[in-house]
Amino acid sequence: MLCGVLFAQAQLQVATLTHNGETTMFYGADALQKAKAAADHGDVINLSAGTFSGCSITKAITLRGVGCSGSQVTLINSYLASRVSFDSTIVDSTNYAVKIEGLKIDGVLIIDKNINNGNILKCVLNRISFDNIPLAYNMNISNCKIMANTSGGAIYGTVTGNPTFYNCVINNYPLCYNVDAKVNNGAFGFVNCLFIASGDKGISYYDTNRFFYNCIITNKSSESANLAEYSNCIFINFKIHNNYYNHNPATELTTFEQVFKTFTGTYSDDETFELTDEAKLFLGTDGKEVGIYGGPMPFNTNPTYPRITKLDVGSEVSADGKLSVDIEVKSMNE
């Protein structure tokens, strides 16, 4: 099965819908919208490199791009049309789940309806907003960069459930704003994440019901979240509110120079956020290094599936009826 499609920049955007073993292709900036309309629960949509208009994800589909960084990017520009939005009511379904991977989403990713077992991984996101207090159980966001290029914070809203962020880079001011998990002992979770603040407040004091395990949290004279739990975290320039739980902090690691080999506090796309040897000695709750390269899913934005990164088709057919095709396929580790 074709897991990624790449066309030259001059060619149309392509969305490939796989349904019951059959493949249908849609073209143009609205190709994603067309493929989603034709899809059913459990289907897979693969997007080529290029810029696509956003849409609401109303079915339990798998949506894949060619990647979120580098020379080949699948960009969902939500300002071209509607916002990118989870709008799924399949809360009780155990057969299918919504999965998004290998995309750069330039607008706001909105979860405004109930969703169960949702997965967002290896994406670059501008902002995640939980609107209308949706049910969001067993929802994981992994290996993502959340950049907060719009007002209101990188992560915003109130949810019923337990969305958890694993090995993510969460950047810009404010990092989390008005984030809360309301009932059934719900909580926002952050495991092996890196928080980078560029303003006076990064993690809002007003936010509640969150836990931070094995994270690196940088700030500029800010207060921590009220009723939050921090376990085995490194704090840089961080003022902590009294009403919190903190287990085994790395109190001896308090500057960027002590923690990172090259990162000094200002985000750049090329920064790797690699830890110093000294910082690697401070272990998380799982016995591995803290930050984005430890934990359950060490940071890597390459998609988990093979994808075609080169497709050159000859312009002429040979005398014996053959057409020259040059294809390059890369795996996750390339």
C-alpha atoms as a PDB file:
ATOM      1  CA  MET A   1       0.000   0.000   0.000  1.00  0.00           C
ATOM      2  CA  LEU A   2       1.266   3.467  -0.890  1.00  0.00           C
ATOM      3  CA  CYS A   3       1.980   5.281   2.353  1.00  0.00           C
ATOM      4  CA  GLY A   4       2.994   8.680   1.049  1.00  0.00           C
ATOM      5  CA  VAL A   5       2.786  10.525  -2.228  1.00  0.00           C
ATOM      6  CA  LEU A   6       5.177  13.252  -3.314  1.00  0.00           C
ATOM      7  CA  PHE A   7       4.741  15.383  -6.406  1.00  0.00           C
ATOM      8  CA  ALA A   8       6.901  18.221  -7.637  1.00  0.00           C
ATOM      9  CA  GLN A   9       6.051  21.617  -6.285  1.00  0.00           C
ATOM     10  CA  ALA A  10       4.650  22.705  -9.643  1.00  0.00           C
ATOM     11  CA  GLN A  11       2.107  19.905  -9.632  1.00  0.00           C
ATOM     12  CA  LEU A  12      -1.211  19.693  -7.857  1.00  0.00           C
ATOM     13  CA  GLN A  13      -1.638  18.648  -4.253  1.00  0.00           C
ATOM     14  CA  VAL A  14      -2.784  15.023  -4.030  1.00  0.00           C
ATOM     15  CA  ALA A  15      -4.858  13.227  -1.389  1.00  0.00           C
ATOM     16  CA  THR A  16      -4.956   9.431  -1.680  1.00  0.00           C
ATOM     17  CA  LEU A  17      -7.918   7.735   0.011  1.00  0.00           C
ATOM     18  CA  THR A  18      -7.635   4.025   0.814  1.00  0.00           C
ATOM     19  CA  HIS A  19     -10.990   2.348   1.500  1.00  0.00           C
ATOM     20  CA  ASN A  20     -11.442  -1.443   1.713  1.00  0.00           C
ATOM     21  CA  GLY A  21      -8.280  -1.996  -0.306  1.00  0.00           C
ATOM     22  CA  GLU A  22      -9.299   0.413  -3.065  1.00  0.00           C
ATOM     23  CA  THR A  23      -7.508   3.688  -3.778  1.00  0.00           C
ATOM     24  CA  THR A  24      -9.045   6.969  -4.949  1.00  0.00           C
ATOM     25  CA  MET A  25      -7.050  10.118  -5.680  1.00  0.00           C
ATOM     26  CA  PHE A  26      -8.192  13.719  -5.246  1.00  0.00           C
ATOM     27  CA  TYR A  27      -6.372  16.798  -6.516  1.00  0.00           C
ATOM     28  CA  GLY A  28      -5.978  20.448  -5.650  1.00  0.00           C
ATOM     29  CA  ALA A  29      -5.879  22.580  -2.501  1.00  0.00           C
ATOM     30  CA  ASP A  30      -9.253  21.173  -1.432  1.00  0.00           C
ATOM     31  CA  ALA A  31      -8.173  17.553  -2.002  1.00  0.00           C
ATOM     32  CA  LEU A  32      -8.203  16.815   1.730  1.00  0.00           C
ATOM     33  CA  GLN A  33     -11.743  18.110   2.047  1.00  0.00           C
ATOM     34  CA  LYS A  34     -12.872  15.936  -0.874  1.00  0.00           C
ATOM     35  CA  ALA A  35     -11.131  12.818   0.462  1.00  0.00           C
ATOM     36  CA  LYS A  36     -12.563  13.322   3.942  1.00  0.00           C
ATOM     37  CA  ALA A  37     -16.075  13.665   2.537  1.00  0.00           C
ATOM     38  CA  ALA A  38     -15.682  10.345   0.711  1.00  0.00           C
ATOM     39  CA  ALA A  39     -14.002   8.522   3.620  1.00  0.00           C
ATOM     40  CA  ASP A  40     -15.517   6.118   6.127  1.00  0.00           C
ATOM     41  CA  HIS A  41     -14.405   5.078   9.623  1.00  0.00           C
ATOM     42  CA  GLY A  42     -11.110   3.217   9.478  1.00  0.00           C
ATOM     43  CA  ASP A  43      -9.991   4.660   6.143  1.00  0.00           C
ATOM     44  CA  VAL A  44      -6.547   6.128   5.480  1.00  0.00           C
ATOM     45  CA  ILE A  45      -5.858   9.432   3.715  1.00  0.00           C
ATOM     46  CA  ASN A  46      -2.293  10.131   2.557  1.00  0.00           C
ATOM     47  CA  LEU A  47      -1.365  13.655   1.531  1.00  0.00           C
ATOM     48  CA  SER A  48       1.427  14.705  -0.802  1.00  0.00           C
ATOM     49  CA  ALA A  49       3.779  17.557  -0.062  1.00  0.00           C
ATOM     50  CA  GLY A  50       2.134  20.921  -0.566  1.00  0.00           C
ATOM     51  CA  THR A  51      -0.465  23.164   1.037  1.00  0.00           C
ATOM     52  CA  PHE A  52      -4.014  21.946   1.690  1.00  0.00           C
ATOM     53  CA  SER A  53      -7.126  23.701   2.947  1.00  0.00           C
ATOM     54  CA  GLY A  54      -8.255  22.674   6.423  1.00  0.00           C
ATOM     55  CA  CYS A  55     -11.415  20.797   7.323  1.00  0.00           C
ATOM     56  CA  SER A  56     -13.260  19.169  10.206  1.00  0.00           C
ATOM     57  CA  ILE A  57     -12.310  15.558  10.918  1.00  0.00           C
ATOM     58  CA  THR A  58     -15.750  14.030  11.406  1.00  0.00           C
ATOM     59  CA  LYS A  59     -14.780  10.371  11.015  1.00  0.00           C
ATOM     60  CA  ALA A  60     -12.305   8.022  12.679  1.00  0.00           C
ATOM     61  CA  ILE A  61      -9.691   8.160   9.939  1.00  0.00           C
ATOM     62  CA  THR A  62      -5.903   8.046   9.729  1.00  0.00           C
ATOM     63  CA  LEU A  63      -4.510  11.204   8.125  1.00  0.00           C
ATOM     64  CA  ARG A  64      -0.865  11.141   7.014  1.00  0.00           C
ATOM     65  CA  GLY A  65       1.496  13.639   5.447  1.00  0.00           C
ATOM     66  CA  VAL A  66       5.045  13.332   4.139  1.00  0.00           C
ATOM     67  CA  GLY A  67       6.459  15.201   7.129  1.00  0.00           C
ATOM     68  CA  CYS A  68       6.314  18.402   9.148  1.00  0.00           C
ATOM     69  CA  SER A  69       9.835  19.759   8.577  1.00  0.00           C
ATOM     70  CA  GLY A  70      12.661  19.744   6.084  1.00  0.00           C
ATOM     71  CA  SER A  71      12.438  20.202   2.322  1.00  0.00           C
ATOM     72  CA  GLN A  72       9.221  18.186   1.935  1.00  0.00           C
ATOM     73  CA  VAL A  73       6.306  19.293   4.113  1.00  0.00           C
ATOM     74  CA  THR A  74       2.580  18.653   4.123  1.00  0.00           C
ATOM     75  CA  LEU A  75       1.032  21.927   5.269  1.00  0.00           C
ATOM     76  CA  ILE A  76      -2.562  22.319   6.386  1.00  0.00           C
ATOM     77  CA  ASN A  77      -3.248  26.012   6.043  1.00  0.00           C
ATOM     78  CA  SER A  78      -6.402  26.437   8.057  1.00  0.00           C
ATOM     79  CA  TYR A  79      -6.731  30.037   6.943  1.00  0.00           C
ATOM     80  CA  LEU A  80      -7.416  28.949   3.368  1.00  0.00           C
ATOM     81  CA  ALA A  81     -10.782  27.538   4.379  1.00  0.00           C
ATOM     82  CA  SER A  82     -12.226  26.144   7.592  1.00  0.00           C
ATOM     83  CA  ARG A  83     -10.195  25.470  10.686  1.00  0.00           C
ATOM     84  CA  VAL A  84      -8.665  22.067  11.264  1.00  0.00           C
ATOM     85  CA  SER A  85     -10.973  20.517  13.817  1.00  0.00           C
ATOM     86  CA  PHE A  86     -11.690  17.220  15.482  1.00  0.00           C
ATOM     87  CA  ASP A  87     -15.450  16.875  15.294  1.00  0.00           C
ATOM     88  CA  SER A  88     -15.839  13.212  16.163  1.00  0.00           C
ATOM     89  CA  THR A  89     -18.530  11.692  18.370  1.00  0.00           C
ATOM     90  CA  ILE A  90     -17.174   8.131  18.340  1.00  0.00           C
ATOM     91  CA  VAL A  91     -16.565   8.065  22.066  1.00  0.00           C
ATOM     92  CA  ASP A  92     -17.489   4.446  22.652  1.00  0.00           C
ATOM     93  CA  SER A  93     -15.853   2.975  19.574  1.00  0.00           C
ATOM     94  CA  THR A  94     -13.003   0.531  20.203  1.00  0.00           C
ATOM     95  CA  ASN A  95     -12.524  -0.459  16.561  1.00  0.00           C
ATOM     96  CA  TYR A  96     -11.271   2.841  15.127  1.00  0.00           C
ATOM     97  CA  ALA A  97      -9.448   5.938  16.280  1.00  0.00           C
ATOM     98  CA  VAL A  98      -8.567   9.291  14.805  1.00  0.00           C
ATOM     99  CA  LYS A  99      -4.851   9.485  14.006  1.00  0.00           C
ATOM    100  CA  ILE A 100      -2.969  12.424  12.498  1.00  0.00           C
ATOM    101  CA  GLU A 101       0.733  12.172  11.652  1.00  0.00           C
ATOM    102  CA  GLY A 102       3.405  13.952   9.653  1.00  0.00           C
ATOM    103  CA  LEU A 103       1.662  17.310   9.132  1.00  0.00           C
ATOM    104  CA  LYS A 104       2.353  20.972   9.732  1.00  0.00           C
ATOM    105  CA  ILE A 105      -0.866  22.732  10.758  1.00  0.00           C
ATOM    106  CA  ASP A 106      -0.559  26.475  10.356  1.00  0.00           C
ATOM    107  CA  GLY A 107      -3.739  27.501  12.141  1.00  0.00           C
ATOM    108  CA  VAL A 108      -5.539  26.203  15.204  1.00  0.00           C
ATOM    109  CA  LEU A 109      -6.187  22.505  15.816  1.00  0.00           C
ATOM    110  CA  ILE A 110      -9.530  22.459  17.594  1.00  0.00           C
ATOM    111  CA  ILE A 111     -10.995  19.583  19.592  1.00  0.00           C
ATOM    112  CA  ASP A 112     -14.587  20.715  20.016  1.00  0.00           C
ATOM    113  CA  LYS A 113     -16.541  17.452  20.087  1.00  0.00           C
ATOM    114  CA  ASN A 114     -16.117  14.151  21.924  1.00  0.00           C
ATOM    115  CA  ILE A 115     -13.224  11.946  20.871  1.00  0.00           C
ATOM    116  CA  ASN A 116     -11.825   8.679  22.185  1.00  0.00           C
ATOM    117  CA  ASN A 117      -8.377   7.184  21.512  1.00  0.00           C
ATOM    118  CA  GLY A 118      -7.253  10.122  19.393  1.00  0.00           C
ATOM    119  CA  ASN A 119      -3.582  10.330  18.419  1.00  0.00           C
ATOM    120  CA  ILE A 120      -1.586  13.253  17.065  1.00  0.00           C
ATOM    121  CA  LEU A 121       2.059  12.528  16.444  1.00  0.00           C
ATOM    122  CA  LYS A 122       5.076  13.944  14.683  1.00  0.00           C
ATOM    123  CA  CYS A 123       3.349  17.182  13.721  1.00  0.00           C
ATOM    124  CA  VAL A 124       4.161  20.876  13.969  1.00  0.00           C
ATOM    125  CA  LEU A 125       1.143  22.673  15.372  1.00  0.00           C
ATOM    126  CA  ASN A 126       0.430  26.328  15.940  1.00  0.00           C
ATOM    127  CA  ARG A 127      -2.036  25.829  18.757  1.00  0.00           C
ATOM    128  CA  ILE A 128      -4.326  23.184  20.254  1.00  0.00           C
ATOM    129  CA  SER A 129      -7.647  24.434  21.587  1.00  0.00           C
ATOM    130  CA  PHE A 130     -10.144  22.339  23.556  1.00  0.00           C
ATOM    131  CA  ASP A 131     -13.498  24.051  22.992  1.00  0.00           C
ATOM    132  CA  ASN A 132     -16.925  23.311  24.514  1.00  0.00           C
ATOM    133  CA  ILE A 133     -15.456  21.002  27.195  1.00  0.00           C
ATOM    134  CA  PRO A 134     -15.174  17.908  24.970  1.00  0.00           C
ATOM    135  CA  LEU A 135     -14.741  14.354  26.188  1.00  0.00           C
ATOM    136  CA  ALA A 136     -11.170  13.397  25.312  1.00  0.00           C
ATOM    137  CA  TYR A 137     -10.248  10.040  26.823  1.00  0.00           C
ATOM    138  CA  ASN A 138      -6.983   8.240  26.058  1.00  0.00           C
ATOM    139  CA  MET A 139      -5.908  11.025  23.738  1.00  0.00           C
ATOM    140  CA  ASN A 140      -2.150  11.229  23.128  1.00  0.00           C
ATOM    141  CA  ILE A 141      -0.096  13.975  21.504  1.00  0.00           C
ATOM    142  CA  SER A 142       3.455  12.734  20.877  1.00  0.00           C
ATOM    143  CA  ASN A 143       6.657  14.009  19.244  1.00  0.00           C
ATOM    144  CA  CYS A 144       5.027  17.306  18.287  1.00  0.00           C
ATOM    145  CA  LYS A 145       6.162  20.905  18.271  1.00  0.00           C
ATOM    146  CA  ILE A 146       3.479  23.344  19.419  1.00  0.00           C
ATOM    147  CA  MET A 147       4.566  26.827  18.490  1.00  0.00           C
ATOM    148  CA  ALA A 148       1.867  29.271  19.734  1.00  0.00           C
ATOM    149  CA  ASN A 149       2.064  31.689  16.816  1.00  0.00           C
ATOM    150  CA  THR A 150      -1.381  33.083  17.657  1.00  0.00           C
ATOM    151  CA  SER A 151      -2.705  34.735  20.794  1.00  0.00           C
ATOM    152  CA  GLY A 152      -4.164  32.624  23.568  1.00  0.00           C
ATOM    153  CA  GLY A 153      -1.348  30.194  24.213  1.00  0.00           C
ATOM    154  CA  ALA A 154      -0.012  26.960  22.765  1.00  0.00           C
ATOM    155  CA  ILE A 155      -2.595  24.851  24.607  1.00  0.00           C
ATOM    156  CA  TYR A 156      -5.928  26.277  25.625  1.00  0.00           C
ATOM    157  CA  GLY A 157      -9.252  25.200  27.052  1.00  0.00           C
ATOM    158  CA  THR A 158     -11.108  22.834  29.329  1.00  0.00           C
ATOM    159  CA  VAL A 159     -11.624  19.130  28.763  1.00  0.00           C
ATOM    160  CA  THR A 160     -13.291  16.150  30.369  1.00  0.00           C
ATOM    161  CA  GLY A 161     -10.756  13.356  30.206  1.00  0.00           C
ATOM    162  CA  ASN A 162      -7.022  12.842  30.233  1.00  0.00           C
ATOM    163  CA  PRO A 163      -5.185  14.134  27.153  1.00  0.00           C
ATOM    164  CA  THR A 164      -1.467  13.495  27.572  1.00  0.00           C
ATOM    165  CA  PHE A 165       1.480  15.084  25.777  1.00  0.00           C
ATOM    166  CA  TYR A 166       4.571  12.894  25.329  1.00  0.00           C
ATOM    167  CA  ASN A 167       8.001  14.123  24.234  1.00  0.00           C
ATOM    168  CA  CYS A 168       6.748  17.422  22.835  1.00  0.00           C
ATOM    169  CA  VAL A 169       8.357  20.846  22.461  1.00  0.00           C
ATOM    170  CA  ILE A 170       5.911  23.508  23.646  1.00  0.00           C
ATOM    171  CA  ASN A 171       7.100  26.974  22.766  1.00  0.00           C
ATOM    172  CA  ASN A 172       6.164  30.613  23.209  1.00  0.00           C
ATOM    173  CA  TYR A 173       4.119  32.777  25.532  1.00  0.00           C
ATOM    174  CA  PRO A 174       1.923  31.767  27.162  1.00  0.00           C
ATOM    175  CA  LEU A 175       2.585  28.043  27.070  1.00  0.00           C
ATOM    176  CA  CYS A 176      -0.669  26.909  28.626  1.00  0.00           C
ATOM    177  CA  TYR A 177      -3.561  29.210  29.324  1.00  0.00           C
ATOM    178  CA  ASN A 178      -6.804  28.411  31.100  1.00  0.00           C
ATOM    179  CA  VAL A 179      -6.072  24.693  30.798  1.00  0.00           C
ATOM    180  CA  ASP A 180      -8.210  22.524  33.043  1.00  0.00           C
ATOM    181  CA  ALA A 181      -9.583  18.987  33.292  1.00  0.00           C
ATOM    182  CA  LYS A 182     -12.950  19.027  34.983  1.00  0.00           C
ATOM    183  CA  VAL A 183     -14.432  15.737  36.122  1.00  0.00           C
ATOM    184  CA  ASN A 184     -13.797  12.048  36.792  1.00  0.00           C
ATOM    185  CA  ASN A 185     -10.312  12.769  38.114  1.00  0.00           C
ATOM    186  CA  GLY A 186      -9.286  13.988  34.674  1.00  0.00           C
ATOM    187  CA  ALA A 187      -5.957  15.703  34.175  1.00  0.00           C
ATOM    188  CA  PHE A 188      -3.807  17.195  31.475  1.00  0.00           C
ATOM    189  CA  GLY A 189      -0.556  15.243  31.447  1.00  0.00           C
ATOM    190  CA  PHE A 190       2.895  16.235  30.198  1.00  0.00           C
ATOM    191  CA  VAL A 191       5.571  13.542  30.087  1.00  0.00           C
ATOM    192  CA  ASN A 192       9.140  14.210  28.891  1.00  0.00           C
ATOM    193  CA  CYS A 193       8.161  17.569  27.417  1.00  0.00           C
ATOM    194  CA  LEU A 194      10.200  20.740  27.001  1.00  0.00           C
ATOM    195  CA  PHE A 195       8.523  24.061  27.821  1.00  0.00           C
ATOM    196  CA  ILE A 196      10.104  27.204  26.399  1.00  0.00           C
ATOM    197  CA  ALA A 197       8.740  30.549  27.552  1.00  0.00           C
ATOM    198  CA  SER A 198       9.398  33.799  25.717  1.00  0.00           C
ATOM    199  CA  GLY A 199       7.422  36.106  27.988  1.00  0.00           C
ATOM    200  CA  ASP A 200       6.796  36.796  31.641  1.00  0.00           C
ATOM    201  CA  LYS A 201       4.415  33.881  32.041  1.00  0.00           C
ATOM    202  CA  GLY A 202       4.742  30.460  30.532  1.00  0.00           C
ATOM    203  CA  ILE A 203       2.627  28.112  32.637  1.00  0.00           C
ATOM    204  CA  SER A 204      -0.358  29.948  34.016  1.00  0.00           C
ATOM    205  CA  TYR A 205      -0.952  29.975  37.751  1.00  0.00           C
ATOM    206  CA  TYR A 206      -4.693  29.768  37.123  1.00  0.00           C
ATOM    207  CA  ASP A 207      -4.516  26.371  35.439  1.00  0.00           C
ATOM    208  CA  THR A 208      -5.371  23.271  37.493  1.00  0.00           C
ATOM    209  CA  ASN A 209      -5.391  19.487  37.373  1.00  0.00           C
ATOM    210  CA  ARG A 210      -2.169  18.866  35.485  1.00  0.00           C
ATOM    211  CA  PHE A 211       0.889  16.723  36.000  1.00  0.00           C
ATOM    212  CA  PHE A 212       4.410  17.148  34.685  1.00  0.00           C
ATOM    213  CA  TYR A 213       6.711  14.113  34.724  1.00  0.00           C
ATOM    214  CA  ASN A 214      10.325  14.160  33.564  1.00  0.00           C
ATOM    215  CA  CYS A 215       9.916  17.567  31.925  1.00  0.00           C
ATOM    216  CA  ILE A 216      12.257  20.504  31.445  1.00  0.00           C
ATOM    217  CA  ILE A 217      10.458  23.735  32.239  1.00  0.00           C
ATOM    218  CA  THR A 218      11.936  27.132  31.453  1.00  0.00           C
ATOM    219  CA  ASN A 219      10.369  30.395  32.353  1.00  0.00           C
ATOM    220  CA  LYS A 220      11.002  34.015  33.214  1.00  0.00           C
ATOM    221  CA  SER A 221       9.925  34.751  36.770  1.00  0.00           C
ATOM    222  CA  SER A 222       6.641  32.948  36.424  1.00  0.00           C
ATOM    223  CA  GLU A 223       4.498  31.026  38.847  1.00  0.00           C
ATOM    224  CA  SER A 224       3.636  27.389  38.389  1.00  0.00           C
ATOM    225  CA  ALA A 225       0.176  25.979  37.983  1.00  0.00           C
ATOM    226  CA  ASN A 226      -2.018  25.753  41.035  1.00  0.00           C
ATOM    227  CA  LEU A 227      -2.631  22.180  42.259  1.00  0.00           C
ATOM    228  CA  ALA A 228      -0.180  20.771  39.736  1.00  0.00           C
ATOM    229  CA  GLU A 229       2.159  17.850  40.310  1.00  0.00           C
ATOM    230  CA  TYR A 230       5.768  17.949  39.170  1.00  0.00           C
ATOM    231  CA  SER A 231       7.886  14.784  39.309  1.00  0.00           C
ATOM    232  CA  ASN A 232      11.569  14.563  38.387  1.00  0.00           C
ATOM    233  CA  CYS A 233      11.604  17.827  36.462  1.00  0.00           C
ATOM    234  CA  ILE A 234      14.366  20.309  35.710  1.00  0.00           C
ATOM    235  CA  PHE A 235      13.425  23.963  36.301  1.00  0.00           C
ATOM    236  CA  ILE A 236      15.282  26.866  34.687  1.00  0.00           C
ATOM    237  CA  ASN A 237      14.488  30.413  35.885  1.00  0.00           C
ATOM    238  CA  PHE A 238      11.243  29.145  37.323  1.00  0.00           C
ATOM    239  CA  LYS A 239       9.297  30.514  40.278  1.00  0.00           C
ATOM    240  CA  ILE A 240       7.091  27.840  41.840  1.00  0.00           C
ATOM    241  CA  HIS A 241       3.787  28.540  43.555  1.00  0.00           C
ATOM    242  CA  ASN A 242       3.332  27.146  47.048  1.00  0.00           C
ATOM    243  CA  ASN A 243       0.306  24.975  46.259  1.00  0.00           C
ATOM    244  CA  TYR A 244       1.957  22.220  44.243  1.00  0.00           C
ATOM    245  CA  TYR A 245       3.540  18.784  44.601  1.00  0.00           C
ATOM    246  CA  ASN A 246       7.152  18.427  43.516  1.00  0.00           C
ATOM    247  CA  HIS A 247       9.069  15.160  43.760  1.00  0.00           C
ATOM    248  CA  ASN A 248      12.825  14.974  43.318  1.00  0.00           C
ATOM    249  CA  PRO A 249      13.564  18.190  41.410  1.00  0.00           C
ATOM    250  CA  ALA A 250      17.037  18.699  39.924  1.00  0.00           C
ATOM    251  CA  THR A 251      17.747  21.705  42.095  1.00  0.00           C
ATOM    252  CA  GLU A 252      21.429  21.783  41.104  1.00  0.00           C
ATOM    253  CA  LEU A 253      20.572  22.283  37.411  1.00  0.00           C
ATOM    254  CA  THR A 254      19.184  25.797  37.142  1.00  0.00           C
ATOM    255  CA  THR A 255      20.805  27.426  34.063  1.00  0.00           C
ATOM    256  CA  PHE A 256      20.613  26.757  30.339  1.00  0.00           C
ATOM    257  CA  GLU A 257      24.359  26.164  30.208  1.00  0.00           C
ATOM    258  CA  GLN A 258      24.101  23.403  32.813  1.00  0.00           C
ATOM    259  CA  VAL A 259      21.201  21.675  31.063  1.00  0.00           C
ATOM    260  CA  PHE A 260      21.700  22.054  27.299  1.00  0.00           C
ATOM    261  CA  LYS A 261      24.720  21.685  25.033  1.00  0.00           C
ATOM    262  CA  THR A 262      23.751  24.526  22.691  1.00  0.00           C
ATOM    263  CA  PHE A 263      20.267  25.812  23.562  1.00  0.00           C
ATOM    264  CA  THR A 264      20.324  29.137  25.408  1.00  0.00           C
ATOM    265  CA  GLY A 265      16.615  29.852  25.711  1.00  0.00           C
ATOM    266  CA  THR A 266      15.621  31.232  22.294  1.00  0.00           C
ATOM    267  CA  TYR A 267      13.824  28.779  20.027  1.00  0.00           C
ATOM    268  CA  SER A 268      15.022  27.978  16.508  1.00  0.00           C
ATOM    269  CA  ASP A 269      13.948  25.234  14.110  1.00  0.00           C
ATOM    270  CA  ASP A 270      17.501  23.921  13.889  1.00  0.00           C
ATOM    271  CA  GLU A 271      17.982  23.516  17.637  1.00  0.00           C
ATOM    272  CA  THR A 272      18.256  19.887  18.806  1.00  0.00           C
ATOM    273  CA  PHE A 273      17.811  20.521  22.575  1.00  0.00           C
ATOM    274  CA  GLU A 274      20.429  17.895  23.388  1.00  0.00           C
ATOM    275  CA  LEU A 275      21.307  17.677  27.086  1.00  0.00           C
ATOM    276  CA  THR A 276      24.716  18.074  28.628  1.00  0.00           C
ATOM    277  CA  ASP A 277      26.366  15.038  30.176  1.00  0.00           C
ATOM    278  CA  GLU A 278      25.655  16.541  33.582  1.00  0.00           C
ATOM    279  CA  ALA A 279      21.939  16.893  32.851  1.00  0.00           C
ATOM    280  CA  LYS A 280      21.729  13.348  31.496  1.00  0.00           C
ATOM    281  CA  LEU A 281      22.692  12.069  34.930  1.00  0.00           C
ATOM    282  CA  PHE A 282      19.423  13.390  36.359  1.00  0.00           C
ATOM    283  CA  LEU A 283      16.936  10.616  35.652  1.00  0.00           C
ATOM    284  CA  GLY A 284      13.180  10.632  35.290  1.00  0.00           C
ATOM    285  CA  THR A 285      10.624   8.470  37.031  1.00  0.00           C
ATOM    286  CA  ASP A 286      11.340   5.693  34.497  1.00  0.00           C
ATOM    287  CA  GLY A 287      15.113   5.711  35.050  1.00  0.00           C
ATOM    288  CA  LYS A 288      15.814   7.428  31.708  1.00  0.00           C
ATOM    289  CA  GLU A 289      16.980  10.959  30.961  1.00  0.00           C
ATOM    290  CA  VAL A 290      14.430  13.732  31.316  1.00  0.00           C
ATOM    291  CA  GLY A 291      13.335  15.897  28.439  1.00  0.00           C
ATOM    292  CA  ILE A 292      12.304  15.046  24.912  1.00  0.00           C
ATOM    293  CA  TYR A 293      14.881  12.295  24.256  1.00  0.00           C
ATOM    294  CA  GLY A 294      13.923  10.151  27.232  1.00  0.00           C
ATOM    295  CA  GLY A 295      10.715   8.404  28.119  1.00  0.00           C
ATOM    296  CA  PRO A 296       8.378   6.271  26.033  1.00  0.00           C
ATOM    297  CA  MET A 297       8.908   7.902  22.638  1.00  0.00           C
ATOM    298  CA  PRO A 298      12.201   9.788  22.182  1.00  0.00           C
ATOM    299  CA  PHE A 299      11.712  12.872  20.042  1.00  0.00           C
ATOM    300  CA  ASN A 300      11.876  12.315  16.288  1.00  0.00           C
ATOM    301  CA  THR A 301       9.608  14.061  13.775  1.00  0.00           C
ATOM    302  CA  ASN A 302      10.168  11.586  10.929  1.00  0.00           C
ATOM    303  CA  PRO A 303       6.884   9.741  10.258  1.00  0.00           C
ATOM    304  CA  THR A 304       6.623   6.144  11.468  1.00  0.00           C
ATOM    305  CA  TYR A 305       5.608   4.880   8.007  1.00  0.00           C
ATOM    306  CA  PRO A 306       7.693   4.721   4.821  1.00  0.00           C
ATOM    307  CA  ARG A 307       7.082   7.669   2.535  1.00  0.00           C
ATOM    308  CA  ILE A 308       8.051   8.478  -1.034  1.00  0.00           C
ATOM    309  CA  THR A 309      10.401  11.468  -1.012  1.00  0.00           C
ATOM    310  CA  LYS A 310      11.383  11.406  -4.675  1.00  0.00           C
ATOM    311  CA  LEU A 311       9.302  10.577  -7.749  1.00  0.00           C
ATOM    312  CA  ASP A 312      10.753  11.423 -11.160  1.00  0.00           C
ATOM    313  CA  VAL A 313       8.886  10.162 -14.220  1.00  0.00           C
ATOM    314  CA  GLY A 314      10.525  10.263 -17.637  1.00  0.00           C
ATOM    315  CA  SER A 315       8.928  12.362 -20.347  1.00  0.00           C
ATOM    316  CA  GLU A 316       9.286   9.776 -23.134  1.00  0.00           C
ATOM    317  CA  VAL A 317       8.477   6.103 -23.600  1.00  0.00           C
ATOM    318  CA  SER A 318      11.288   3.911 -24.944  1.00  0.00           C
ATOM    319  CA  ALA A 319      11.067   1.949 -28.170  1.00  0.00           C
ATOM    320  CA  ASP A 320      10.151  -1.189 -26.250  1.00  0.00           C
ATOM    321  CA  GLY A 321       7.302   0.579 -24.439  1.00  0.00           C
ATOM    322  CA  LYS A 322       9.039   1.312 -21.133  1.00  0.00           C
ATOM    323  CA  LEU A 323       8.825   4.514 -19.092  1.00  0.00           C
ATOM    324  CA  SER A 324      11.668   5.560 -16.783  1.00  0.00           C
ATOM    325  CA  VAL A 325      10.576   6.056 -13.160  1.00  0.00           C
ATOM    326  CA  ASP A 326      12.953   7.028 -10.333  1.00  0.00           C
ATOM    327  CA  ILE A 327      11.473   6.558  -6.835  1.00  0.00           C
ATOM    328  CA  GLU A 328      13.135   7.179  -3.472  1.00  0.00           C
ATOM    329  CA  VAL A 329      11.538   5.821  -0.288  1.00  0.00           C
ATOM    330  CA  LYS A 330      12.665   6.771   3.206  1.00  0.00           C
ATOM    331  CA  SER A 331      11.930   5.103   6.508  1.00  0.00           C
ATOM    332  CA  MET A 332      11.462   6.691   9.940  1.00  0.00           C
ATOM    333  CA  ASN A 333      15.182   6.672  10.759  1.00  0.00           C
ATOM    334  CA  GLU A 334      16.223   8.484   7.580  1.00  0.00           C
END
